[in-house]
Amino acid sequence: MAQEIISKHNDDVIDYFPSTSQQITLEGKVATEKEKDELTFKKIESHLLQKIIEGDKTSHFLLAQFYYEEGKLDQALEKFEEIKNQDYQALYQLATMHYDGVGCEKNEEKGFEYMMNIACSTDINAAHLIHAAQYNVGKAYFEGYGVKQNDQEAEKWWISAAADGDPRASVDAQTMLGMFYSRPEFIDLKQSFFWHSEACGNGSLESQGILGVMYMKGEGVKQNLENAFECLKEASDRGNVYAQGRLVQMYFERKLYTKSCDLARKVVKDRNVTEIAEETGCLAKYIIKGTALACFYLSRNLFFGRGVKRDVVKSKKYLDKLCKLDPILAYDCQTDMTYGYA
């Protein structure tokens, strides 16, 4: 949603950015980069203020968003507050600012209140924001942010946001419902498979990886290793680390040890989990789990010399890394080793 807003803003003011090849002079001297930035800022600000004077209603929001992007958070907050009752985009931005404490003291209750106003709106001007707001309301109930934790309310709002799998609705809500119905308290694997299928069809990288695992294990659907491989391979190629870890496992179980080792070496490298989550839209806990799985199977290959030269020291190194990354998974893997499943 923020990206849509930013693109509209940039389209409106693009002509006010000077060409990078153009030299700007101030009082006969070539301007410094800081002076160029300040001049550009003033030009854009003046342009938007003039548009406001001329009666252009959209420029109020564009100015507030411009302040926000430029780090002028006090001015952005003030402007968003000024127009929140007339502009749902401003209300949405305010909700996220209060939720996260950006430009103001963190106030989850106020953020929830603003988000709920959008989620419940029947105004056509809020239509493009409603599914995103409903998803955030559901997430607030699920996590207990700004409102008392309530799984049933989270489920209700996510179902509204998911809109029967409509690609124009919240794909994040579709993925979250897939995860929700795989929890022990609300277990319904057929529903989980349905929602992950809808989300995957609408572009969710997270759900594509999980679908691969469901096909691999026969959870919520008849086991189909061909479909499992197809989902995991495509999700892996798109950067889903959890899918990569499961693909390492699949290669190992099919005795394709060289392929298992080659992929695992790439997955186990130390990387910034937060950055990967932002780039892929995948949850951090699944990124960690994918890395941990790769550590386990690389460790087994190194221990037995499968697809790689035997190296017990390196094998232990990756086993230790597995334990640090995901102790619960490490216990499950240890159980599999004890009973000869891995």
C-alpha atoms as a PDB file:
ATOM      1  CA  MET A   1       0.000   0.000   0.000  1.00  0.00           C
ATOM      2  CA  ALA A   2       2.788   2.403   0.896  1.00  0.00           C
ATOM      3  CA  GLN A   3       4.448   1.702  -2.456  1.00  0.00           C
ATOM      4  CA  GLU A   4       1.291   2.716  -4.322  1.00  0.00           C
ATOM      5  CA  ILE A   5       1.164   5.958  -2.375  1.00  0.00           C
ATOM      6  CA  ILE A   6       4.818   6.705  -3.008  1.00  0.00           C
ATOM      7  CA  SER A   7       4.514   6.082  -6.741  1.00  0.00           C
ATOM      8  CA  LYS A   8       1.589   8.506  -6.994  1.00  0.00           C
ATOM      9  CA  HIS A   9       3.565  11.077  -5.072  1.00  0.00           C
ATOM     10  CA  ASN A  10       6.620  10.657  -7.296  1.00  0.00           C
ATOM     11  CA  ASP A  11       4.562  10.951 -10.484  1.00  0.00           C
ATOM     12  CA  ASP A  12       3.168  14.259  -9.288  1.00  0.00           C
ATOM     13  CA  VAL A  13       6.437  15.917  -8.356  1.00  0.00           C
ATOM     14  CA  ILE A  14       8.967  14.217 -10.640  1.00  0.00           C
ATOM     15  CA  ASP A  15       9.462  17.317 -12.763  1.00  0.00           C
ATOM     16  CA  TYR A  16      10.807  19.179  -9.752  1.00  0.00           C
ATOM     17  CA  PHE A  17      13.833  16.921  -9.349  1.00  0.00           C
ATOM     18  CA  PRO A  18      16.822  18.350 -11.209  1.00  0.00           C
ATOM     19  CA  SER A  19      18.663  16.131 -13.639  1.00  0.00           C
ATOM     20  CA  THR A  20      21.711  14.414 -12.154  1.00  0.00           C
ATOM     21  CA  SER A  21      23.756  15.762 -15.060  1.00  0.00           C
ATOM     22  CA  GLN A  22      22.609  19.310 -14.404  1.00  0.00           C
ATOM     23  CA  GLN A  23      24.750  21.641 -12.277  1.00  0.00           C
ATOM     24  CA  ILE A  24      22.909  23.828  -9.805  1.00  0.00           C
ATOM     25  CA  THR A  25      24.455  27.162  -8.899  1.00  0.00           C
ATOM     26  CA  LEU A  26      23.764  29.361  -5.899  1.00  0.00           C
ATOM     27  CA  GLU A  27      25.049  32.943  -6.035  1.00  0.00           C
ATOM     28  CA  GLY A  28      27.451  32.006  -8.815  1.00  0.00           C
ATOM     29  CA  LYS A  29      28.905  28.971  -7.001  1.00  0.00           C
ATOM     30  CA  VAL A  30      28.320  25.299  -7.763  1.00  0.00           C
ATOM     31  CA  ALA A  31      25.989  24.003  -5.057  1.00  0.00           C
ATOM     32  CA  THR A  32      27.001  21.205  -2.708  1.00  0.00           C
ATOM     33  CA  GLU A  33      24.963  18.019  -2.569  1.00  0.00           C
ATOM     34  CA  LYS A  34      23.348  19.187   0.668  1.00  0.00           C
ATOM     35  CA  GLU A  35      22.402  22.517  -0.915  1.00  0.00           C
ATOM     36  CA  LYS A  36      21.005  20.718  -3.960  1.00  0.00           C
ATOM     37  CA  ASP A  37      18.876  18.515  -1.703  1.00  0.00           C
ATOM     38  CA  GLU A  38      17.602  21.513   0.240  1.00  0.00           C
ATOM     39  CA  LEU A  39      16.742  23.371  -2.974  1.00  0.00           C
ATOM     40  CA  THR A  40      14.931  20.341  -4.373  1.00  0.00           C
ATOM     41  CA  PHE A  41      13.008  19.942  -1.116  1.00  0.00           C
ATOM     42  CA  LYS A  42      11.899  23.591  -1.186  1.00  0.00           C
ATOM     43  CA  LYS A  43      10.819  23.348  -4.825  1.00  0.00           C
ATOM     44  CA  ILE A  44       8.664  20.281  -4.184  1.00  0.00           C
ATOM     45  CA  GLU A  45       7.229  21.722  -0.976  1.00  0.00           C
ATOM     46  CA  SER A  46       6.410  25.037  -2.675  1.00  0.00           C
ATOM     47  CA  HIS A  47       4.826  23.247  -5.608  1.00  0.00           C
ATOM     48  CA  LEU A  48       2.538  21.186  -3.354  1.00  0.00           C
ATOM     49  CA  LEU A  49       1.635  24.168  -1.163  1.00  0.00           C
ATOM     50  CA  GLN A  50       0.678  26.124  -4.287  1.00  0.00           C
ATOM     51  CA  LYS A  51      -1.475  23.215  -5.478  1.00  0.00           C
ATOM     52  CA  ILE A  52      -3.227  23.221  -2.093  1.00  0.00           C
ATOM     53  CA  ILE A  53      -3.906  26.968  -2.408  1.00  0.00           C
ATOM     54  CA  GLU A  54      -5.356  26.297  -5.869  1.00  0.00           C
ATOM     55  CA  GLY A  55      -7.781  23.810  -4.344  1.00  0.00           C
ATOM     56  CA  ASP A  56      -6.215  20.495  -5.326  1.00  0.00           C
ATOM     57  CA  LYS A  57      -7.502  18.093  -2.655  1.00  0.00           C
ATOM     58  CA  THR A  58      -4.960  15.317  -3.304  1.00  0.00           C
ATOM     59  CA  SER A  59      -2.014  17.609  -2.620  1.00  0.00           C
ATOM     60  CA  HIS A  60      -2.771  17.716   1.117  1.00  0.00           C
ATOM     61  CA  PHE A  61      -1.948  14.025   1.378  1.00  0.00           C
ATOM     62  CA  LEU A  62       0.946  14.252  -1.082  1.00  0.00           C
ATOM     63  CA  LEU A  63       2.554  16.975   1.037  1.00  0.00           C
ATOM     64  CA  ALA A  64       2.152  14.941   4.236  1.00  0.00           C
ATOM     65  CA  GLN A  65       3.595  11.862   2.521  1.00  0.00           C
ATOM     66  CA  PHE A  66       6.463  13.934   1.127  1.00  0.00           C
ATOM     67  CA  TYR A  67       7.326  15.126   4.641  1.00  0.00           C
ATOM     68  CA  TYR A  68       7.177  11.504   5.820  1.00  0.00           C
ATOM     69  CA  GLU A  69       9.517  10.257   3.094  1.00  0.00           C
ATOM     70  CA  GLU A  70      11.953  13.086   3.748  1.00  0.00           C
ATOM     71  CA  GLY A  71      12.107  12.253   7.456  1.00  0.00           C
ATOM     72  CA  LYS A  72      10.215  15.386   8.528  1.00  0.00           C
ATOM     73  CA  LEU A  73       8.074  13.243  10.801  1.00  0.00           C
ATOM     74  CA  ASP A  74       6.696  16.003  13.043  1.00  0.00           C
ATOM     75  CA  GLN A  75       5.419  17.880  10.004  1.00  0.00           C
ATOM     76  CA  ALA A  76       4.098  14.673   8.446  1.00  0.00           C
ATOM     77  CA  LEU A  77       2.230  13.734  11.618  1.00  0.00           C
ATOM     78  CA  GLU A  78       0.712  17.203  11.925  1.00  0.00           C
ATOM     79  CA  LYS A  79      -0.424  17.202   8.292  1.00  0.00           C
ATOM     80  CA  PHE A  80      -1.842  13.669   8.426  1.00  0.00           C
ATOM     81  CA  GLU A  81      -3.776  14.581  11.600  1.00  0.00           C
ATOM     82  CA  GLU A  82      -5.115  17.692   9.900  1.00  0.00           C
ATOM     83  CA  ILE A  83      -6.702  15.720   7.030  1.00  0.00           C
ATOM     84  CA  LYS A  84      -7.449  12.337   8.634  1.00  0.00           C
ATOM     85  CA  ASN A  85     -11.224  12.908   8.684  1.00  0.00           C
ATOM     86  CA  GLN A  86     -11.297  13.652   4.944  1.00  0.00           C
ATOM     87  CA  ASP A  87      -8.574  11.306   3.648  1.00  0.00           C
ATOM     88  CA  TYR A  88      -8.510   7.575   4.452  1.00  0.00           C
ATOM     89  CA  GLN A  89      -4.942   7.245   3.171  1.00  0.00           C
ATOM     90  CA  ALA A  90      -3.875   9.769   5.815  1.00  0.00           C
ATOM     91  CA  LEU A  91      -5.798   7.829   8.469  1.00  0.00           C
ATOM     92  CA  TYR A  92      -4.067   4.604   7.381  1.00  0.00           C
ATOM     93  CA  GLN A  93      -0.635   6.213   7.565  1.00  0.00           C
ATOM     94  CA  LEU A  94      -1.442   7.609  10.998  1.00  0.00           C
ATOM     95  CA  ALA A  95      -2.505   4.170  12.192  1.00  0.00           C
ATOM     96  CA  THR A  96       0.831   2.656  11.152  1.00  0.00           C
ATOM     97  CA  MET A  97       2.781   5.551  12.684  1.00  0.00           C
ATOM     98  CA  HIS A  98       1.039   5.117  16.038  1.00  0.00           C
ATOM     99  CA  TYR A  99       1.401   1.327  15.907  1.00  0.00           C
ATOM    100  CA  ASP A 100       5.149   1.547  15.302  1.00  0.00           C
ATOM    101  CA  GLY A 101       5.905   4.761  17.193  1.00  0.00           C
ATOM    102  CA  VAL A 102       7.190   6.539  14.075  1.00  0.00           C
ATOM    103  CA  GLY A 103       7.267  10.311  14.587  1.00  0.00           C
ATOM    104  CA  CYS A 104       5.307   9.989  17.817  1.00  0.00           C
ATOM    105  CA  GLU A 105       5.073   7.965  21.006  1.00  0.00           C
ATOM    106  CA  LYS A 106       4.003   4.390  20.346  1.00  0.00           C
ATOM    107  CA  ASN A 107       0.259   4.123  20.906  1.00  0.00           C
ATOM    108  CA  GLU A 108      -1.067   0.738  19.784  1.00  0.00           C
ATOM    109  CA  GLU A 109      -4.584   1.491  21.036  1.00  0.00           C
ATOM    110  CA  LYS A 110      -4.858   4.605  18.864  1.00  0.00           C
ATOM    111  CA  GLY A 111      -3.323   2.764  15.910  1.00  0.00           C
ATOM    112  CA  PHE A 112      -5.900  -0.004  16.323  1.00  0.00           C
ATOM    113  CA  GLU A 113      -8.743   2.522  16.584  1.00  0.00           C
ATOM    114  CA  TYR A 114      -7.718   4.254  13.350  1.00  0.00           C
ATOM    115  CA  MET A 115      -7.222   0.942  11.521  1.00  0.00           C
ATOM    116  CA  MET A 116     -10.616  -0.325  12.711  1.00  0.00           C
ATOM    117  CA  ASN A 117     -12.282   2.840  11.371  1.00  0.00           C
ATOM    118  CA  ILE A 118     -10.970   2.010   7.902  1.00  0.00           C
ATOM    119  CA  ALA A 119     -11.756  -1.707   8.180  1.00  0.00           C
ATOM    120  CA  CYS A 120     -15.406  -0.941   9.012  1.00  0.00           C
ATOM    121  CA  SER A 121     -15.844   1.822   6.444  1.00  0.00           C
ATOM    122  CA  THR A 122     -18.400   1.579   3.637  1.00  0.00           C
ATOM    123  CA  ASP A 123     -17.090   4.747   1.971  1.00  0.00           C
ATOM    124  CA  ILE A 124     -16.023   4.155  -1.630  1.00  0.00           C
ATOM    125  CA  ASN A 125     -12.969   6.351  -1.004  1.00  0.00           C
ATOM    126  CA  ALA A 126     -11.708   3.770   1.490  1.00  0.00           C
ATOM    127  CA  ALA A 127     -12.325   0.762  -0.774  1.00  0.00           C
ATOM    128  CA  HIS A 128      -8.667   0.341  -1.833  1.00  0.00           C
ATOM    129  CA  LEU A 129      -7.553   0.269   1.826  1.00  0.00           C
ATOM    130  CA  ILE A 130     -10.250  -1.868   3.460  1.00  0.00           C
ATOM    131  CA  HIS A 131      -8.752  -5.341   2.881  1.00  0.00           C
ATOM    132  CA  ALA A 132      -5.328  -4.200   4.083  1.00  0.00           C
ATOM    133  CA  ALA A 133      -6.915  -2.612   7.161  1.00  0.00           C
ATOM    134  CA  GLN A 134      -8.952  -5.758   7.876  1.00  0.00           C
ATOM    135  CA  TYR A 135      -5.766  -7.830   7.683  1.00  0.00           C
ATOM    136  CA  ASN A 136      -4.053  -5.494  10.168  1.00  0.00           C
ATOM    137  CA  VAL A 137      -7.038  -5.604  12.533  1.00  0.00           C
ATOM    138  CA  GLY A 138      -6.889  -9.397  12.429  1.00  0.00           C
ATOM    139  CA  LYS A 139      -3.163  -9.305  13.112  1.00  0.00           C
ATOM    140  CA  ALA A 140      -3.726  -6.944  16.060  1.00  0.00           C
ATOM    141  CA  TYR A 141      -6.246  -9.366  17.577  1.00  0.00           C
ATOM    142  CA  PHE A 142      -3.924 -12.318  16.922  1.00  0.00           C
ATOM    143  CA  GLU A 143      -0.914 -10.665  18.565  1.00  0.00           C
ATOM    144  CA  GLY A 144      -2.815  -8.657  21.194  1.00  0.00           C
ATOM    145  CA  TYR A 145      -1.489  -5.288  19.953  1.00  0.00           C
ATOM    146  CA  GLY A 146      -3.761  -2.388  20.893  1.00  0.00           C
ATOM    147  CA  VAL A 147      -6.589  -4.765  21.768  1.00  0.00           C
ATOM    148  CA  LYS A 148      -7.098  -7.869  23.916  1.00  0.00           C
ATOM    149  CA  GLN A 149      -5.787 -11.013  22.211  1.00  0.00           C
ATOM    150  CA  ASN A 150      -8.604 -12.975  20.577  1.00  0.00           C
ATOM    151  CA  ASP A 151      -8.041 -15.791  18.059  1.00  0.00           C
ATOM    152  CA  GLN A 152     -11.677 -15.925  16.977  1.00  0.00           C
ATOM    153  CA  GLU A 153     -11.691 -12.213  16.139  1.00  0.00           C
ATOM    154  CA  ALA A 154      -8.399 -12.621  14.264  1.00  0.00           C
ATOM    155  CA  GLU A 155      -9.916 -15.441  12.224  1.00  0.00           C
ATOM    156  CA  LYS A 156     -13.054 -13.388  11.489  1.00  0.00           C
ATOM    157  CA  TRP A 157     -11.144 -10.337  10.253  1.00  0.00           C
ATOM    158  CA  TRP A 158      -8.700 -12.391   8.180  1.00  0.00           C
ATOM    159  CA  ILE A 159     -11.601 -14.182   6.491  1.00  0.00           C
ATOM    160  CA  SER A 160     -13.073 -10.774   5.606  1.00  0.00           C
ATOM    161  CA  ALA A 161      -9.701  -9.541   4.343  1.00  0.00           C
ATOM    162  CA  ALA A 162      -9.092 -12.710   2.303  1.00  0.00           C
ATOM    163  CA  ALA A 163     -12.412 -12.289   0.447  1.00  0.00           C
ATOM    164  CA  ASP A 164     -12.731 -15.906  -0.731  1.00  0.00           C
ATOM    165  CA  GLY A 165      -9.313 -15.788  -2.385  1.00  0.00           C
ATOM    166  CA  ASP A 166      -9.925 -12.701  -4.488  1.00  0.00           C
ATOM    167  CA  PRO A 167      -6.528 -11.607  -5.894  1.00  0.00           C
ATOM    168  CA  ARG A 168      -7.543  -7.972  -5.285  1.00  0.00           C
ATOM    169  CA  ALA A 169      -8.001  -8.693  -1.572  1.00  0.00           C
ATOM    170  CA  SER A 170      -5.320  -9.268   1.075  1.00  0.00           C
ATOM    171  CA  VAL A 171      -3.027 -12.081  -0.030  1.00  0.00           C
ATOM    172  CA  ASP A 172      -1.284 -11.793   3.365  1.00  0.00           C
ATOM    173  CA  ALA A 173      -4.603 -12.652   5.035  1.00  0.00           C
ATOM    174  CA  GLN A 174      -4.963 -15.707   2.792  1.00  0.00           C
ATOM    175  CA  THR A 175      -1.499 -16.904   3.826  1.00  0.00           C
ATOM    176  CA  MET A 176      -2.190 -16.206   7.509  1.00  0.00           C
ATOM    177  CA  LEU A 177      -5.404 -18.256   7.354  1.00  0.00           C
ATOM    178  CA  GLY A 178      -3.370 -21.114   5.893  1.00  0.00           C
ATOM    179  CA  MET A 179      -1.055 -20.906   8.892  1.00  0.00           C
ATOM    180  CA  PHE A 180      -3.921 -20.337  11.336  1.00  0.00           C
ATOM    181  CA  TYR A 181      -5.631 -23.603  10.397  1.00  0.00           C
ATOM    182  CA  SER A 182      -2.410 -25.551  10.895  1.00  0.00           C
ATOM    183  CA  ARG A 183      -2.213 -24.540  14.582  1.00  0.00           C
ATOM    184  CA  PRO A 184      -3.117 -27.313  17.096  1.00  0.00           C
ATOM    185  CA  GLU A 185      -6.014 -25.295  18.589  1.00  0.00           C
ATOM    186  CA  PHE A 186      -7.655 -24.711  15.184  1.00  0.00           C
ATOM    187  CA  ILE A 187      -6.298 -27.631  13.201  1.00  0.00           C
ATOM    188  CA  ASP A 188      -8.024 -28.052   9.838  1.00  0.00           C
ATOM    189  CA  LEU A 189      -5.443 -29.086   7.272  1.00  0.00           C
ATOM    190  CA  LYS A 190      -7.878 -29.114   4.365  1.00  0.00           C
ATOM    191  CA  GLN A 191      -8.741 -25.484   5.112  1.00  0.00           C
ATOM    192  CA  SER A 192      -5.052 -24.731   5.533  1.00  0.00           C
ATOM    193  CA  PHE A 193      -4.294 -26.274   2.137  1.00  0.00           C
ATOM    194  CA  PHE A 194      -7.176 -24.352   0.546  1.00  0.00           C
ATOM    195  CA  TRP A 195      -5.988 -20.960   1.799  1.00  0.00           C
ATOM    196  CA  HIS A 196      -2.341 -21.596   0.964  1.00  0.00           C
ATOM    197  CA  SER A 197      -3.449 -22.650  -2.545  1.00  0.00           C
ATOM    198  CA  GLU A 198      -5.427 -19.416  -2.965  1.00  0.00           C
ATOM    199  CA  ALA A 199      -2.540 -17.308  -1.679  1.00  0.00           C
ATOM    200  CA  CYS A 200       0.009 -19.136  -3.829  1.00  0.00           C
ATOM    201  CA  GLY A 201      -2.159 -18.594  -6.900  1.00  0.00           C
ATOM    202  CA  ASN A 202      -2.202 -14.898  -6.015  1.00  0.00           C
ATOM    203  CA  GLY A 203       1.588 -14.687  -5.756  1.00  0.00           C
ATOM    204  CA  SER A 204       2.417 -15.531  -2.128  1.00  0.00           C
ATOM    205  CA  LEU A 205       5.975 -16.845  -1.941  1.00  0.00           C
ATOM    206  CA  GLU A 206       5.465 -17.941   1.679  1.00  0.00           C
ATOM    207  CA  SER A 207       2.428 -20.067   0.805  1.00  0.00           C
ATOM    208  CA  GLN A 208       4.149 -21.608  -2.215  1.00  0.00           C
ATOM    209  CA  GLY A 209       6.861 -23.054   0.028  1.00  0.00           C
ATOM    210  CA  ILE A 210       4.347 -24.323   2.598  1.00  0.00           C
ATOM    211  CA  LEU A 211       2.255 -25.946  -0.153  1.00  0.00           C
ATOM    212  CA  GLY A 212       5.357 -27.862  -1.213  1.00  0.00           C
ATOM    213  CA  VAL A 213       5.747 -29.222   2.315  1.00  0.00           C
ATOM    214  CA  MET A 214       2.043 -30.154   2.503  1.00  0.00           C
ATOM    215  CA  TYR A 215       2.338 -32.099  -0.758  1.00  0.00           C
ATOM    216  CA  MET A 216       5.560 -33.711   0.476  1.00  0.00           C
ATOM    217  CA  LYS A 217       4.004 -34.894   3.751  1.00  0.00           C
ATOM    218  CA  GLY A 218       0.465 -35.483   2.511  1.00  0.00           C
ATOM    219  CA  GLU A 219      -1.021 -32.949   4.929  1.00  0.00           C
ATOM    220  CA  GLY A 220      -4.450 -31.606   3.919  1.00  0.00           C
ATOM    221  CA  VAL A 221      -4.001 -33.199   0.491  1.00  0.00           C
ATOM    222  CA  LYS A 222      -2.934 -36.550  -0.938  1.00  0.00           C
ATOM    223  CA  GLN A 223       0.841 -36.939  -0.944  1.00  0.00           C
ATOM    224  CA  ASN A 224       2.302 -35.978  -4.310  1.00  0.00           C
ATOM    225  CA  LEU A 225       6.084 -35.759  -4.491  1.00  0.00           C
ATOM    226  CA  GLU A 226       6.044 -34.391  -8.028  1.00  0.00           C
ATOM    227  CA  ASN A 227       3.869 -31.434  -6.977  1.00  0.00           C
ATOM    228  CA  ALA A 228       5.961 -31.054  -3.834  1.00  0.00           C
ATOM    229  CA  PHE A 229       9.164 -30.774  -5.840  1.00  0.00           C
ATOM    230  CA  GLU A 230       7.594 -28.325  -8.293  1.00  0.00           C
ATOM    231  CA  CYS A 231       6.400 -26.013  -5.499  1.00  0.00           C
ATOM    232  CA  LEU A 232       9.603 -26.219  -3.490  1.00  0.00           C
ATOM    233  CA  LYS A 233      11.880 -25.736  -6.500  1.00  0.00           C
ATOM    234  CA  GLU A 234      10.007 -22.688  -7.783  1.00  0.00           C
ATOM    235  CA  ALA A 235       9.716 -21.133  -4.305  1.00  0.00           C
ATOM    236  CA  SER A 236      13.387 -21.882  -3.686  1.00  0.00           C
ATOM    237  CA  ASP A 237      14.399 -20.180  -6.936  1.00  0.00           C
ATOM    238  CA  ARG A 238      12.340 -17.136  -5.883  1.00  0.00           C
ATOM    239  CA  GLY A 239      14.269 -16.838  -2.609  1.00  0.00           C
ATOM    240  CA  ASN A 240      12.098 -18.697  -0.078  1.00  0.00           C
ATOM    241  CA  VAL A 241      14.679 -19.980   2.436  1.00  0.00           C
ATOM    242  CA  TYR A 242      12.245 -22.376   4.119  1.00  0.00           C
ATOM    243  CA  ALA A 243      11.535 -23.954   0.724  1.00  0.00           C
ATOM    244  CA  GLN A 244      15.286 -24.186   0.129  1.00  0.00           C
ATOM    245  CA  GLY A 245      15.744 -26.053   3.422  1.00  0.00           C
ATOM    246  CA  ARG A 246      12.927 -28.454   2.568  1.00  0.00           C
ATOM    247  CA  LEU A 247      14.350 -28.971  -0.916  1.00  0.00           C
ATOM    248  CA  VAL A 248      17.693 -29.908   0.685  1.00  0.00           C
ATOM    249  CA  GLN A 249      15.733 -32.459   2.727  1.00  0.00           C
ATOM    250  CA  MET A 250      13.958 -33.787  -0.367  1.00  0.00           C
ATOM    251  CA  TYR A 251      17.235 -34.249  -2.263  1.00  0.00           C
ATOM    252  CA  PHE A 252      18.683 -36.050   0.773  1.00  0.00           C
ATOM    253  CA  GLU A 253      15.709 -38.393   1.118  1.00  0.00           C
ATOM    254  CA  ARG A 254      15.872 -39.223  -2.605  1.00  0.00           C
ATOM    255  CA  LYS A 255      19.587 -39.990  -2.144  1.00  0.00           C
ATOM    256  CA  LEU A 256      20.579 -37.075  -4.406  1.00  0.00           C
ATOM    257  CA  TYR A 257      23.348 -36.244  -1.966  1.00  0.00           C
ATOM    258  CA  THR A 258      25.460 -34.026  -4.209  1.00  0.00           C
ATOM    259  CA  LYS A 259      22.473 -31.801  -4.999  1.00  0.00           C
ATOM    260  CA  SER A 260      21.543 -31.779  -1.321  1.00  0.00           C
ATOM    261  CA  CYS A 261      25.064 -30.638  -0.360  1.00  0.00           C
ATOM    262  CA  ASP A 262      25.346 -28.014  -3.097  1.00  0.00           C
ATOM    263  CA  LEU A 263      22.080 -26.315  -2.140  1.00  0.00           C
ATOM    264  CA  ALA A 264      22.690 -26.662   1.608  1.00  0.00           C
ATOM    265  CA  ARG A 265      26.055 -24.870   1.360  1.00  0.00           C
ATOM    266  CA  LYS A 266      24.267 -21.837  -0.100  1.00  0.00           C
ATOM    267  CA  VAL A 267      21.473 -21.873   2.479  1.00  0.00           C
ATOM    268  CA  VAL A 268      23.638 -22.203   5.612  1.00  0.00           C
ATOM    269  CA  LYS A 269      25.659 -19.041   4.928  1.00  0.00           C
ATOM    270  CA  ASP A 270      25.204 -16.321   7.549  1.00  0.00           C
ATOM    271  CA  ARG A 271      22.744 -13.770   6.193  1.00  0.00           C
ATOM    272  CA  ASN A 272      20.620 -10.949   7.547  1.00  0.00           C
ATOM    273  CA  VAL A 273      17.268 -12.554   8.363  1.00  0.00           C
ATOM    274  CA  THR A 274      15.472  -9.195   8.638  1.00  0.00           C
ATOM    275  CA  GLU A 275      16.617  -8.137   5.174  1.00  0.00           C
ATOM    276  CA  ILE A 276      15.578 -11.472   3.645  1.00  0.00           C
ATOM    277  CA  ALA A 277      12.153 -11.183   5.303  1.00  0.00           C
ATOM    278  CA  GLU A 278      11.682  -7.698   3.839  1.00  0.00           C
ATOM    279  CA  GLU A 279      12.836  -8.760   0.368  1.00  0.00           C
ATOM    280  CA  THR A 280      10.736 -11.943   0.167  1.00  0.00           C
ATOM    281  CA  GLY A 281       7.763 -11.196   2.424  1.00  0.00           C
ATOM    282  CA  CYS A 282       8.467 -14.440   4.314  1.00  0.00           C
ATOM    283  CA  LEU A 283       8.310 -14.732   8.104  1.00  0.00           C
ATOM    284  CA  ALA A 284      11.637 -14.609   9.943  1.00  0.00           C
ATOM    285  CA  LYS A 285      10.891 -17.798  11.918  1.00  0.00           C
ATOM    286  CA  TYR A 286      10.506 -19.770   8.675  1.00  0.00           C
ATOM    287  CA  ILE A 287      13.710 -18.308   7.254  1.00  0.00           C
ATOM    288  CA  ILE A 288      15.530 -19.491  10.387  1.00  0.00           C
ATOM    289  CA  LYS A 289      13.863 -22.914  10.184  1.00  0.00           C
ATOM    290  CA  GLY A 290      14.906 -23.303   6.544  1.00  0.00           C
ATOM    291  CA  THR A 291      18.506 -22.474   7.420  1.00  0.00           C
ATOM    292  CA  ALA A 292      18.388 -24.900  10.348  1.00  0.00           C
ATOM    293  CA  LEU A 293      17.100 -27.726   8.133  1.00  0.00           C
ATOM    294  CA  ALA A 294      19.942 -27.128   5.674  1.00  0.00           C
ATOM    295  CA  CYS A 295      22.433 -27.271   8.572  1.00  0.00           C
ATOM    296  CA  PHE A 296      21.075 -30.637   9.686  1.00  0.00           C
ATOM    297  CA  TYR A 297      21.219 -32.335   6.293  1.00  0.00           C
ATOM    298  CA  LEU A 298      24.602 -30.852   5.442  1.00  0.00           C
ATOM    299  CA  SER A 299      25.843 -32.152   8.790  1.00  0.00           C
ATOM    300  CA  ARG A 300      24.560 -35.661   7.982  1.00  0.00           C
ATOM    301  CA  ASN A 301      26.163 -35.613   4.545  1.00  0.00           C
ATOM    302  CA  LEU A 302      29.482 -34.481   5.992  1.00  0.00           C
ATOM    303  CA  PHE A 303      29.358 -37.127   8.734  1.00  0.00           C
ATOM    304  CA  PHE A 304      28.793 -39.996   6.291  1.00  0.00           C
ATOM    305  CA  GLY A 305      30.713 -38.515   3.355  1.00  0.00           C
ATOM    306  CA  ARG A 306      27.659 -38.483   1.114  1.00  0.00           C
ATOM    307  CA  GLY A 307      28.029 -36.178  -1.889  1.00  0.00           C
ATOM    308  CA  VAL A 308      30.992 -34.538  -0.163  1.00  0.00           C
ATOM    309  CA  LYS A 309      34.301 -35.541   1.434  1.00  0.00           C
ATOM    310  CA  ARG A 310      33.754 -36.899   4.960  1.00  0.00           C
ATOM    311  CA  ASP A 311      34.512 -34.290   7.624  1.00  0.00           C
ATOM    312  CA  VAL A 312      33.335 -35.023  11.161  1.00  0.00           C
ATOM    313  CA  VAL A 313      34.572 -31.671  12.515  1.00  0.00           C
ATOM    314  CA  LYS A 314      32.528 -29.676  10.004  1.00  0.00           C
ATOM    315  CA  SER A 315      29.608 -32.008  10.582  1.00  0.00           C
ATOM    316  CA  LYS A 316      29.610 -31.101  14.280  1.00  0.00           C
ATOM    317  CA  LYS A 317      29.939 -27.398  13.424  1.00  0.00           C
ATOM    318  CA  TYR A 318      26.696 -27.444  11.448  1.00  0.00           C
ATOM    319  CA  LEU A 319      24.975 -29.584  14.068  1.00  0.00           C
ATOM    320  CA  ASP A 320      25.900 -26.962  16.686  1.00  0.00           C
ATOM    321  CA  LYS A 321      24.564 -24.220  14.420  1.00  0.00           C
ATOM    322  CA  LEU A 322      21.297 -26.128  14.069  1.00  0.00           C
ATOM    323  CA  CYS A 323      20.942 -26.280  17.865  1.00  0.00           C
ATOM    324  CA  LYS A 324      21.484 -22.525  18.166  1.00  0.00           C
ATOM    325  CA  LEU A 325      19.076 -21.648  15.373  1.00  0.00           C
ATOM    326  CA  ASP A 326      16.174 -23.908  16.326  1.00  0.00           C
ATOM    327  CA  PRO A 327      16.483 -26.091  19.463  1.00  0.00           C
ATOM    328  CA  ILE A 328      13.053 -27.692  18.939  1.00  0.00           C
ATOM    329  CA  LEU A 329      13.879 -28.674  15.363  1.00  0.00           C
ATOM    330  CA  ALA A 330      17.255 -29.944  16.589  1.00  0.00           C
ATOM    331  CA  TYR A 331      15.447 -32.245  19.058  1.00  0.00           C
ATOM    332  CA  ASP A 332      13.159 -33.546  16.300  1.00  0.00           C
ATOM    333  CA  CYS A 333      16.148 -34.148  14.024  1.00  0.00           C
ATOM    334  CA  GLN A 334      17.975 -35.955  16.826  1.00  0.00           C
ATOM    335  CA  THR A 335      14.936 -38.205  17.246  1.00  0.00           C
ATOM    336  CA  ASP A 336      14.963 -38.941  13.515  1.00  0.00           C
ATOM    337  CA  MET A 337      18.670 -39.876  13.734  1.00  0.00           C
ATOM    338  CA  THR A 338      18.064 -42.096  16.767  1.00  0.00           C
ATOM    339  CA  TYR A 339      15.345 -44.080  14.996  1.00  0.00           C
ATOM    340  CA  GLY A 340      17.192 -44.142  11.688  1.00  0.00           C
ATOM    341  CA  TYR A 341      14.925 -41.806   9.715  1.00  0.00           C
ATOM    342  CA  ALA A 342      17.811 -39.507   8.692  1.00  0.00           C
END
